[in-house]
Protein backbone atom coordinates (compact mmCIF):
# COMPACT_ATOMS: atom_id res chain seq x y z
CA MET A 1 81.96 9.24 -7.55
CA ARG A 2 78.67 7.33 -7.78
CA VAL A 3 78.94 6.40 -4.13
CA LEU A 4 79.25 10.08 -3.18
CA LYS A 5 76.21 11.00 -5.26
CA PHE A 6 74.25 8.15 -3.69
CA LEU A 7 75.24 9.26 -0.19
CA ALA A 8 74.29 12.84 -1.00
CA VAL A 9 70.84 11.78 -2.20
CA VAL A 10 70.30 9.57 0.86
CA SER A 11 71.40 12.40 3.16
CA VAL A 12 68.97 14.85 1.57
CA CYS A 13 66.14 12.31 1.86
CA LEU A 14 66.91 11.69 5.53
CA LEU A 15 67.01 15.42 6.25
CA ALA A 16 63.68 15.92 4.48
CA PHE A 17 62.12 13.01 6.40
CA GLY A 18 63.44 14.37 9.69
CA TYR A 19 62.05 17.81 8.92
CA ALA A 20 58.64 16.38 8.02
CA ALA A 21 58.52 14.45 11.29
CA GLN A 22 59.08 17.60 13.34
CA ALA A 23 56.36 19.99 14.44
CA ASP A 24 54.94 22.04 11.61
CA ASP A 25 54.35 25.81 11.61
CA LEU A 26 50.97 25.30 13.28
CA GLY A 27 52.47 23.89 16.49
CA THR A 28 51.40 20.31 15.88
CA HIS A 29 53.27 17.16 14.94
CA ASN A 30 52.09 15.55 11.72
CA VAL A 31 52.00 11.99 13.12
CA ASN A 32 51.20 10.89 16.67
CA ARG A 33 49.89 7.90 18.58
CA VAL A 34 47.00 7.76 20.99
CA THR A 35 45.48 4.96 23.03
CA PHE A 36 41.76 4.91 23.75
CA VAL A 37 41.03 2.83 26.86
CA ALA A 38 37.36 2.45 25.90
CA PRO A 39 35.42 2.66 22.64
CA ILE A 40 35.05 6.25 21.47
CA ARG A 41 32.99 7.89 18.75
CA VAL A 42 35.04 9.97 16.29
CA ALA A 43 33.29 11.80 13.44
CA GLY A 44 30.23 9.59 13.79
CA THR A 45 32.21 6.32 13.81
CA LEU A 46 32.58 4.20 16.94
CA LEU A 47 36.25 3.23 17.24
CA PRO A 48 37.12 0.22 19.40
CA ALA A 49 39.46 0.69 22.36
CA GLY A 50 43.10 0.36 21.36
CA GLU A 51 46.11 2.15 19.96
CA TYR A 52 45.86 4.45 16.94
CA VAL A 53 48.26 6.30 14.68
CA VAL A 54 46.84 9.78 14.14
CA ARG A 55 47.92 11.89 11.18
CA HIS A 56 47.21 15.60 10.91
CA THR A 57 46.58 16.48 7.27
CA MET A 58 45.10 19.30 5.24
CA GLU A 59 42.27 18.94 2.74
CA GLY A 60 42.11 22.34 1.11
CA GLN A 61 41.62 24.77 4.00
CA ASP A 62 40.31 22.04 6.35
CA HIS A 63 42.39 20.47 9.10
CA VAL A 64 41.74 16.73 9.16
CA MET A 65 42.84 14.06 11.62
CA VAL A 66 43.11 10.51 10.23
CA PHE A 67 42.80 7.71 12.81
CA GLN A 68 44.38 4.37 11.84
CA SER A 69 43.99 1.42 14.21
CA LEU A 70 47.06 -0.59 15.17
CA ASN A 71 45.03 -3.30 16.94
CA HIS A 72 41.98 -3.86 14.75
CA LYS A 73 41.16 -4.27 11.09
CA HIS A 74 39.08 -1.15 11.00
CA PRO A 75 38.89 1.37 8.15
CA ASP A 76 40.68 4.66 8.72
CA VAL A 77 38.46 7.39 10.14
CA LYS A 78 38.79 11.03 9.07
CA ALA A 79 37.60 13.85 11.31
CA LYS A 80 37.70 17.59 10.63
CA CYS A 81 39.14 19.60 13.48
CA GLN A 82 39.95 23.15 14.47
CA LEU A 83 43.30 24.06 15.96
CA VAL A 84 43.25 26.11 19.16
CA GLN A 85 46.49 27.54 20.50
CA LEU A 86 47.54 26.49 23.99
CA GLY A 87 49.33 28.88 26.31
CA ASN A 88 52.31 26.52 26.56
CA GLN A 89 53.57 23.27 25.12
CA ALA A 90 51.40 20.35 26.30
CA GLU A 91 53.21 18.14 28.78
CA GLN A 92 51.20 15.01 27.98
CA THR A 93 48.64 13.60 25.60
CA ARG A 94 45.02 13.91 26.73
CA THR A 95 41.55 13.36 25.34
CA VAL A 96 38.36 15.21 26.22
CA TYR A 97 35.05 13.52 25.49
CA GLU A 98 31.35 13.76 26.29
CA LEU A 99 28.90 10.94 26.87
CA ASN A 100 26.00 10.85 24.41
CA ALA A 101 22.48 9.52 25.09
CA ALA A 102 23.69 5.98 24.36
CA LYS A 103 26.45 6.47 27.00
CA GLU A 104 29.14 6.33 24.31
CA ARG A 105 32.23 8.49 24.59
CA VAL A 106 32.29 11.17 21.86
CA LEU A 107 35.67 12.77 21.20
CA GLN A 108 35.61 16.56 21.70
CA GLU A 109 39.30 17.50 22.01
CA LEU A 110 42.66 15.84 21.50
CA VAL A 111 45.96 17.24 22.75
CA PHE A 112 49.30 15.58 22.02
CA GLY A 113 52.22 15.97 24.39
CA GLY A 114 54.77 18.40 22.95
CA ASP A 115 52.25 20.27 20.77
CA THR A 116 51.30 23.91 21.30
CA VAL A 117 47.76 23.45 19.94
CA LYS A 118 44.75 21.30 20.71
CA HIS A 119 42.47 19.68 18.14
CA VAL A 120 38.79 20.49 18.70
CA PHE A 121 36.21 18.32 16.95
C-alpha cells in the first residue's frame, strides 16, 4: 500500500514538472538555452560570450528574463522584457542586437525556437 502511495506521489510530481516545462499560456517556454558568440550587453551588464540558461519569470506584472552563465562564474543577470506575438511559431532561436558607441553588442530582441512570442528589451 505504501509503495502505491509513493508511486502516486511521484507520478503527480512528474506530471507537474512536465507541465511546467511546457510552453505557458503566453506562448513562451519558461526555460531555454542561448549561446552568444560574442560578448553582449544585457540590461546594462556585459555578458561574456558563451552558453546561458535563460528563465522567463514574472515579478508582479513585469516579464523578466534571467540569464545564468554555464561557462563563466558570472552573477545572474535580470532583464525586463515585453512579449510581442509572432505570426507563427519560431523555427529557430535568434538574437537581435545593436552596436553602441563602444562597439558593444546590446541585446534588443530574443526569440526562442518553438515559441510564438519574441522578447523585446
